[in-house]
Amino acid sequence: MQEHPLRTTVIGSYPFPGWLEFACQNLEEFGDADREEMIDDAVIAAVHDQNIAGLDVITDGEQTRLDFNLSFYGYLEGIDLESAPPRHFGPPAHDQRGKHKITGPFKASKGLGTVDDFKRLQRLVQGRATLKASVPGPYTLAGRLLPNSHYPDRWAITEELIPIVARELEDLVATGCAEITVDEPSMSCYAHKEDTKRFVDIFNRTVGSVVGKCRLSTHLCFGNYKGHAVGLRCYEPMFPDFLEFNVDELHVEMANREFAELELIGEIAKHKDVAVGIIDVKSYYIESVEDVAGRVRRCLEFAPAERLALAPDCGLSQTARWAARQKLQNMVEGVALVRKELGIA
């Protein structure tokens, strides 16, 4: 059970500052020291916005990553990185992000980069907020790798990635990371047509070596590429099997789905903590403090405060920074209002 009732948290990503977007398109103009300074500055900006909002849990905003998972392929040996996606024009969709060929056995001799990211966060952060790292799970990572004669399908690729992700989690814990989100959005997106018990087995084998050594969570997500979902936006196919995920907290997105299936959080809360997405990251409507407070009160009809955490629906990387900043501030203020009403401020 979480330490503080009605914890405020985030999933992982935060929007890049505009200057970082520009710099990433012109990296050849910068030296190594320039790039390191640039990364530090971007993390400082993300941490600043989260601290000003007053969040209980913060991340580095995933400022070193391209999307929440695509940069991880650069750490994998045994793949040939696709230089161009199959489609360049038209409305944005996942086929504008290419897949990579497998050339040999997978290795990640230097890890997947999250340990260095977390050490940077430890070095740069000030304040008492809990620090969290996010790592994509093996099934999600397998989705952008092309099967071949040695790895005939996504399941086989996933099996090869499990020990690599597991080692990354172990190294994070050894570094002092006390809270980790293992992101497996592909499991949520395919739950309506794949074997959910098999998903649970994969997930639990991946996290098995760090269970009890840190606070573990996962994010049940329907996708958010350029503000668009990719999966069937319904939680029913995932349950009750996903209750068997060996985590301390399950996160569910509710705001952009008009709080459909909200009663589900009551069932989750019988088994573990539940983080509810009460901020719509796919909309530029800025939820007011009272909007947030009303949503928290609705959640309390189904789950007790000591089991309940509040968060945006998903990572904020696809939301403009000015909106993300105000949404987080209003979220924290709205939760604080309800805490005061309950006498737990």
Protein backbone atom coordinates (compact mmCIF):
# COMPACT_ATOMS: atom_id res chain seq x y z
CA MET A 1 0.00 0.00 0.00
CA GLN A 2 1.27 3.48 -0.86
CA GLU A 3 2.80 5.67 1.82
CA HIS A 4 0.56 8.70 1.22
CA PRO A 5 -3.19 8.67 0.38
CA LEU A 6 -4.14 10.35 -2.90
CA ARG A 7 -0.58 10.47 -4.22
CA THR A 8 0.02 12.65 -7.26
CA THR A 9 2.24 11.09 -9.88
CA VAL A 10 3.09 10.97 -13.60
CA ILE A 11 3.67 8.16 -16.07
CA GLY A 12 7.11 9.13 -17.35
CA SER A 13 7.44 11.42 -20.36
CA TYR A 14 7.24 15.21 -20.46
CA PRO A 15 7.29 17.48 -23.53
CA PHE A 16 10.65 18.51 -24.94
CA PRO A 17 11.39 22.24 -24.73
CA GLY A 18 11.20 23.82 -28.20
CA TRP A 19 14.94 24.50 -28.25
CA LEU A 20 15.67 20.81 -27.63
CA GLU A 21 13.49 19.82 -30.61
CA PHE A 22 15.53 22.22 -32.76
CA ALA A 23 18.85 21.07 -31.36
CA CYS A 24 18.00 17.40 -31.99
CA GLN A 25 17.58 18.22 -35.68
CA ASN A 26 21.01 19.85 -35.75
CA LEU A 27 23.13 17.68 -33.47
CA GLU A 28 26.09 17.81 -35.85
CA GLU A 29 26.49 21.48 -34.90
CA PHE A 30 27.19 20.57 -31.26
CA GLY A 31 30.19 19.06 -29.51
CA ASP A 32 30.01 16.26 -26.96
CA ALA A 33 30.15 18.68 -24.04
CA ASP A 34 27.44 20.82 -25.62
CA ARG A 35 25.16 17.80 -25.94
CA GLU A 36 25.70 16.72 -22.33
CA GLU A 37 24.93 20.23 -21.12
CA MET A 38 21.84 20.31 -23.32
CA ILE A 39 20.53 17.05 -21.80
CA ASP A 40 21.12 18.37 -18.28
CA ASP A 41 19.28 21.58 -19.09
CA ALA A 42 16.30 19.70 -20.54
CA VAL A 43 16.02 17.49 -17.43
CA ILE A 44 16.32 20.57 -15.20
CA ALA A 45 13.40 22.14 -17.12
CA ALA A 46 11.22 19.01 -16.80
CA VAL A 47 12.00 18.63 -13.10
CA HIS A 48 11.33 22.33 -12.51
CA ASP A 49 7.84 22.12 -14.02
CA GLN A 50 6.98 19.03 -11.98
CA ASN A 51 8.34 20.51 -8.76
CA ILE A 52 6.49 23.80 -9.28
CA ALA A 53 3.31 21.79 -9.75
CA GLY A 54 4.01 20.08 -6.42
CA LEU A 55 3.88 16.44 -7.55
CA ASP A 56 4.62 13.71 -5.03
CA VAL A 57 6.39 11.61 -7.68
CA ILE A 58 8.50 13.00 -10.53
CA THR A 59 10.61 11.65 -13.41
CA ASP A 60 13.30 13.07 -15.68
CA GLY A 61 10.61 13.58 -18.30
CA GLU A 62 12.41 11.04 -20.53
CA GLN A 63 14.27 13.96 -22.08
CA THR A 64 16.96 11.70 -23.56
CA ARG A 65 14.47 9.49 -25.41
CA LEU A 66 12.85 9.62 -28.81
CA ASP A 67 9.29 8.72 -27.89
CA PHE A 68 8.97 6.56 -24.77
CA ASN A 69 10.66 3.49 -26.28
CA LEU A 70 12.16 4.09 -29.75
CA SER A 71 15.58 5.24 -28.51
CA PHE A 72 16.13 1.94 -26.72
CA TYR A 73 16.81 0.19 -30.02
CA GLY A 74 20.01 2.22 -30.31
CA TYR A 75 21.35 0.30 -27.29
CA LEU A 76 20.57 -3.13 -28.71
CA GLU A 77 23.24 -5.10 -30.53
CA GLY A 78 22.05 -7.60 -33.11
CA ILE A 79 19.70 -5.33 -35.02
CA ASP A 80 19.98 -3.19 -38.14
CA LEU A 81 18.29 0.14 -37.46
CA GLU A 82 15.73 1.16 -40.08
CA SER A 83 16.80 4.50 -41.56
CA ALA A 84 13.39 5.50 -42.92
CA PRO A 85 9.78 4.55 -42.15
CA PRO A 86 7.61 3.03 -44.91
CA ARG A 87 5.27 6.04 -45.05
CA HIS A 88 6.32 9.69 -44.88
CA PHE A 89 3.17 11.67 -45.62
CA GLY A 90 -0.48 11.86 -44.70
CA PRO A 91 -2.10 11.74 -41.24
CA PRO A 92 0.27 10.51 -38.53
CA ALA A 93 0.11 6.82 -37.66
CA HIS A 94 2.42 4.09 -36.39
CA ASP A 95 3.57 3.11 -39.89
CA GLN A 96 5.49 6.38 -39.96
CA ARG A 97 7.88 4.77 -37.51
CA GLY A 98 9.95 2.06 -39.14
CA LYS A 99 10.77 -1.45 -37.96
CA HIS A 100 14.26 -2.88 -37.52
CA LYS A 101 15.82 -6.06 -38.93
CA ILE A 102 17.33 -8.63 -36.58
CA THR A 103 20.89 -9.49 -37.60
CA GLY A 104 22.00 -11.69 -34.71
CA PRO A 105 21.50 -12.54 -31.04
CA PHE A 106 20.41 -9.60 -28.91
CA LYS A 107 22.84 -8.00 -26.49
CA ALA A 108 22.87 -4.74 -24.59
CA SER A 109 26.48 -4.59 -23.41
CA LYS A 110 26.05 -1.11 -21.98
CA GLY A 111 22.50 -1.57 -20.76
CA LEU A 112 19.50 0.33 -22.12
CA GLY A 113 20.50 3.77 -20.86
CA THR A 114 18.03 4.15 -18.00
CA VAL A 115 20.68 3.81 -15.28
CA ASP A 116 22.63 6.81 -16.59
CA ASP A 117 19.35 8.70 -16.95
CA PHE A 118 18.42 7.96 -13.34
CA LYS A 119 21.85 8.95 -12.04
CA ARG A 120 21.45 12.26 -13.85
CA LEU A 121 18.05 12.74 -12.24
CA GLN A 122 19.51 12.01 -8.80
CA ARG A 123 22.28 14.55 -9.43
CA LEU A 124 20.05 17.33 -10.69
CA VAL A 125 16.93 17.07 -8.55
CA GLN A 126 16.27 19.08 -5.43
CA GLY A 127 13.35 18.63 -3.08
CA ARG A 128 11.62 15.70 -1.46
CA ALA A 129 9.61 14.25 -4.33
CA THR A 130 9.96 10.52 -4.99
CA LEU A 131 12.04 9.83 -8.11
CA LYS A 132 10.69 7.32 -10.62
CA ALA A 133 12.17 5.66 -13.70
CA SER A 134 10.23 4.16 -16.61
CA VAL A 135 11.38 1.20 -18.70
CA PRO A 136 9.54 -0.31 -21.70
CA GLY A 137 8.76 -4.00 -21.35
CA PRO A 138 9.97 -6.75 -23.71
CA TYR A 139 6.68 -7.36 -25.51
CA THR A 140 6.34 -3.69 -26.40
CA LEU A 141 9.99 -3.50 -27.51
CA ALA A 142 9.49 -6.60 -29.66
CA GLY A 143 6.81 -4.81 -31.67
CA ARG A 144 9.29 -2.85 -33.77
CA LEU A 145 11.57 -5.77 -34.59
CA LEU A 146 10.97 -7.84 -37.72
CA PRO A 147 10.71 -11.64 -37.27
CA ASN A 148 13.12 -13.84 -39.21
CA SER A 149 14.02 -17.54 -39.47
CA HIS A 150 15.59 -17.55 -35.99
CA TYR A 151 12.85 -15.46 -34.37
CA PRO A 152 9.70 -16.49 -36.23
CA ASP A 153 7.20 -14.32 -34.34
CA ARG A 154 6.81 -11.56 -31.78
CA TRP A 155 6.63 -14.06 -28.92
CA ALA A 156 10.06 -15.48 -29.78
CA ILE A 157 11.55 -11.99 -30.00
CA THR A 158 9.99 -11.11 -26.66
CA GLU A 159 11.60 -14.12 -24.98
CA GLU A 160 15.04 -12.93 -26.08
CA LEU A 161 14.39 -9.45 -24.71
CA ILE A 162 13.12 -10.53 -21.27
CA PRO A 163 16.59 -11.03 -19.70
CA ILE A 164 17.83 -7.73 -21.13
CA VAL A 165 14.95 -5.75 -19.62
CA ALA A 166 15.18 -7.72 -16.36
CA ARG A 167 18.88 -6.86 -16.06
CA GLU A 168 18.06 -3.19 -16.63
CA LEU A 169 15.54 -3.27 -13.79
CA GLU A 170 18.09 -4.93 -11.51
CA ASP A 171 20.70 -2.30 -12.35
CA LEU A 172 18.22 0.50 -11.67
CA VAL A 173 17.45 -0.92 -8.23
CA ALA A 174 21.17 -1.29 -7.52
CA THR A 175 21.57 2.40 -8.40
CA GLY A 176 19.05 3.36 -5.73
CA CYS A 177 15.89 3.68 -7.82
CA ALA A 178 13.01 3.01 -5.44
CA GLU A 179 10.15 3.33 -7.94
CA ILE A 180 9.92 1.90 -11.47
CA THR A 181 7.16 1.81 -14.06
CA VAL A 182 7.48 -1.07 -16.51
CA ASP A 183 5.60 0.16 -19.57
CA GLU A 184 3.83 -2.50 -21.61
CA PRO A 185 1.23 -0.57 -23.63
CA SER A 186 1.27 -3.19 -26.37
CA MET A 187 -0.15 -5.71 -23.92
CA SER A 188 -3.08 -3.40 -23.28
CA CYS A 189 -3.58 -2.67 -26.96
CA TYR A 190 -3.62 -6.36 -27.95
CA ALA A 191 -5.42 -7.80 -24.92
CA HIS A 192 -8.66 -8.10 -26.88
CA LYS A 193 -7.12 -10.57 -29.35
CA GLU A 194 -4.10 -12.18 -27.68
CA ASP A 195 -3.58 -14.52 -24.72
CA THR A 196 -3.79 -12.30 -21.62
CA LYS A 197 -2.50 -15.08 -19.34
CA ARG A 198 0.59 -15.29 -21.53
CA PHE A 199 1.05 -11.53 -21.14
CA VAL A 200 0.92 -11.89 -17.37
CA ASP A 201 3.50 -14.68 -17.44
CA ILE A 202 5.88 -12.59 -19.59
CA PHE A 203 5.47 -9.53 -17.40
CA ASN A 204 5.97 -11.38 -14.13
CA ARG A 205 9.07 -13.19 -15.37
CA THR A 206 10.51 -9.83 -16.47
CA VAL A 207 10.05 -8.15 -13.08
CA GLY A 208 10.55 -11.21 -10.89
CA SER A 209 14.07 -10.39 -9.71
CA VAL A 210 13.13 -6.91 -8.44
CA VAL A 211 9.75 -7.63 -6.85
CA GLY A 212 9.85 -6.43 -3.26
CA LYS A 213 13.03 -4.43 -3.87
CA CYS A 214 11.31 -1.33 -5.27
CA ARG A 215 7.80 0.02 -5.86
CA LEU A 216 6.67 -1.43 -9.19
CA SER A 217 3.89 -0.16 -11.40
CA THR A 218 2.64 -0.58 -14.93
CA HIS A 219 0.56 1.59 -17.22
CA LEU A 220 -2.43 0.06 -19.01
CA CYS A 221 -2.44 2.27 -22.09
CA PHE A 222 -4.29 2.34 -25.42
CA GLY A 223 -1.50 4.22 -27.20
CA ASN A 224 -0.77 7.90 -27.74
CA TYR A 225 1.03 8.59 -31.00
CA LYS A 226 0.50 12.22 -31.98
CA GLY A 227 -2.51 12.30 -29.69
CA HIS A 228 -4.20 9.20 -31.14
CA ALA A 229 -4.95 5.84 -29.56
CA VAL A 230 -4.07 2.62 -31.37
CA GLY A 231 -5.83 -0.07 -29.34
CA LEU A 232 -9.42 -1.03 -28.56
CA ARG A 233 -10.19 1.46 -25.79
CA CYS A 234 -11.80 -0.97 -23.39
CA TYR A 235 -10.41 -2.52 -20.21
CA GLU A 236 -12.80 -5.47 -20.04
CA PRO A 237 -10.60 -7.85 -22.09
CA MET A 238 -7.67 -7.33 -19.70
CA PHE A 239 -9.45 -8.41 -16.53
CA PRO A 240 -9.39 -10.30 -14.31
CA ASP A 241 -6.08 -11.66 -15.68
CA PHE A 242 -4.15 -8.38 -15.44
CA LEU A 243 -4.84 -8.31 -11.70
CA GLU A 244 -2.12 -10.98 -11.58
CA PHE A 245 0.59 -8.56 -12.69
CA ASN A 246 3.18 -8.61 -9.93
CA VAL A 247 3.15 -4.86 -9.28
CA ASP A 248 2.29 -2.54 -6.44
CA GLU A 249 0.26 -0.18 -8.64
CA LEU A 250 -1.80 -0.39 -11.83
CA HIS A 251 -2.43 2.81 -13.79
CA VAL A 252 -5.59 3.19 -15.88
CA GLU A 253 -6.45 6.04 -18.24
CA MET A 254 -9.92 7.41 -17.58
CA ALA A 255 -10.14 11.11 -18.46
CA ASN A 256 -10.08 10.84 -22.26
CA ARG A 257 -12.58 7.98 -22.05
CA GLU A 258 -15.08 10.09 -20.06
CA PHE A 259 -14.46 7.81 -17.04
CA ALA A 260 -16.01 4.77 -18.70
CA GLU A 261 -15.48 1.61 -16.63
CA LEU A 262 -14.50 3.68 -13.59
CA GLU A 263 -16.00 1.02 -11.35
CA LEU A 264 -13.04 -1.16 -12.35
CA ILE A 265 -10.76 0.76 -9.99
CA GLY A 266 -12.71 -0.68 -7.06
CA GLU A 267 -11.78 -4.20 -8.13
CA ILE A 268 -8.14 -3.24 -8.67
CA ALA A 269 -8.01 -1.59 -5.24
CA LYS A 270 -8.92 -4.90 -3.60
CA HIS A 271 -5.58 -6.26 -4.78
CA LYS A 272 -3.17 -3.33 -5.20
CA ASP A 273 -2.93 0.44 -5.48
CA VAL A 274 -4.59 2.06 -8.47
CA ALA A 275 -3.41 5.22 -10.21
CA VAL A 276 -6.23 6.87 -12.13
CA GLY A 277 -5.68 9.08 -15.15
CA ILE A 278 -7.78 12.16 -14.41
CA ILE A 279 -6.04 14.55 -16.84
CA ASP A 280 -6.61 14.16 -20.58
CA VAL A 281 -3.23 14.47 -22.31
CA LYS A 282 -4.90 14.25 -25.75
CA SER A 283 -6.99 17.38 -25.24
CA TYR A 284 -6.06 21.04 -24.94
CA TYR A 285 -8.93 21.71 -22.62
CA ILE A 286 -7.20 22.69 -19.38
CA GLU A 287 -8.97 20.93 -16.53
CA SER A 288 -9.79 23.40 -13.76
CA VAL A 289 -8.96 22.79 -10.11
CA GLU A 290 -12.64 22.10 -9.44
CA ASP A 291 -12.79 19.72 -12.44
CA VAL A 292 -9.98 17.74 -10.88
CA ALA A 293 -11.50 17.77 -7.41
CA GLY A 294 -14.80 16.49 -8.79
CA ARG A 295 -13.02 13.66 -10.60
CA VAL A 296 -11.12 12.67 -7.47
CA ARG A 297 -14.41 12.57 -5.53
CA ARG A 298 -15.86 10.26 -8.19
CA CYS A 299 -12.86 7.94 -7.86
CA LEU A 300 -13.33 7.85 -4.09
CA GLU A 301 -16.77 6.36 -4.63
CA PHE A 302 -15.02 3.18 -5.78
CA ALA A 303 -11.55 3.12 -4.18
CA PRO A 304 -10.27 4.23 -0.76
CA ALA A 305 -7.87 7.17 -0.52
CA GLU A 306 -5.03 5.01 0.79
CA ARG A 307 -5.19 2.88 -2.37
CA LEU A 308 -5.68 5.77 -4.80
CA ALA A 309 -3.11 7.76 -6.77
CA LEU A 310 -3.89 10.45 -9.35
CA ALA A 311 -2.06 11.10 -12.61
CA PRO A 312 -2.43 12.22 -16.22
CA ASP A 313 -3.89 9.57 -18.55
CA CYS A 314 -0.55 8.88 -20.20
CA GLY A 315 2.88 10.37 -20.72
CA LEU A 316 2.88 14.07 -21.56
CA SER A 317 5.38 14.01 -24.43
CA GLN A 318 2.67 14.59 -27.05
CA THR A 319 1.24 17.62 -25.20
CA ALA A 320 2.60 21.17 -25.59
CA ARG A 321 4.65 22.20 -22.58
CA TRP A 322 2.51 25.21 -21.68
CA ALA A 323 -0.55 22.97 -21.45
CA ALA A 324 1.26 20.14 -19.66
CA ARG A 325 2.55 22.57 -17.03
CA GLN A 326 -0.89 24.02 -16.27
CA LYS A 327 -2.61 20.65 -16.33
CA LEU A 328 -0.18 19.30 -13.73
CA GLN A 329 -0.51 22.36 -11.51
CA ASN A 330 -4.31 22.16 -11.57
CA MET A 331 -4.20 18.42 -10.95
CA VAL A 332 -2.12 18.82 -7.81
CA GLU A 333 -4.26 21.73 -6.55
CA GLY A 334 -7.48 19.79 -7.16
CA VAL A 335 -6.16 16.75 -5.30
CA ALA A 336 -5.00 19.00 -2.44
CA LEU A 337 -8.53 20.38 -2.19
CA VAL A 338 -9.96 16.90 -1.68
CA ARG A 339 -7.20 15.98 0.75
CA LYS A 340 -8.20 18.99 2.84
CA GLU A 341 -11.85 17.95 2.73
CA LEU A 342 -10.85 14.52 4.02
CA GLY A 343 -8.53 15.89 6.67
CA ILE A 344 -5.42 14.32 5.14
CA ALA A 345 -3.78 17.47 3.76
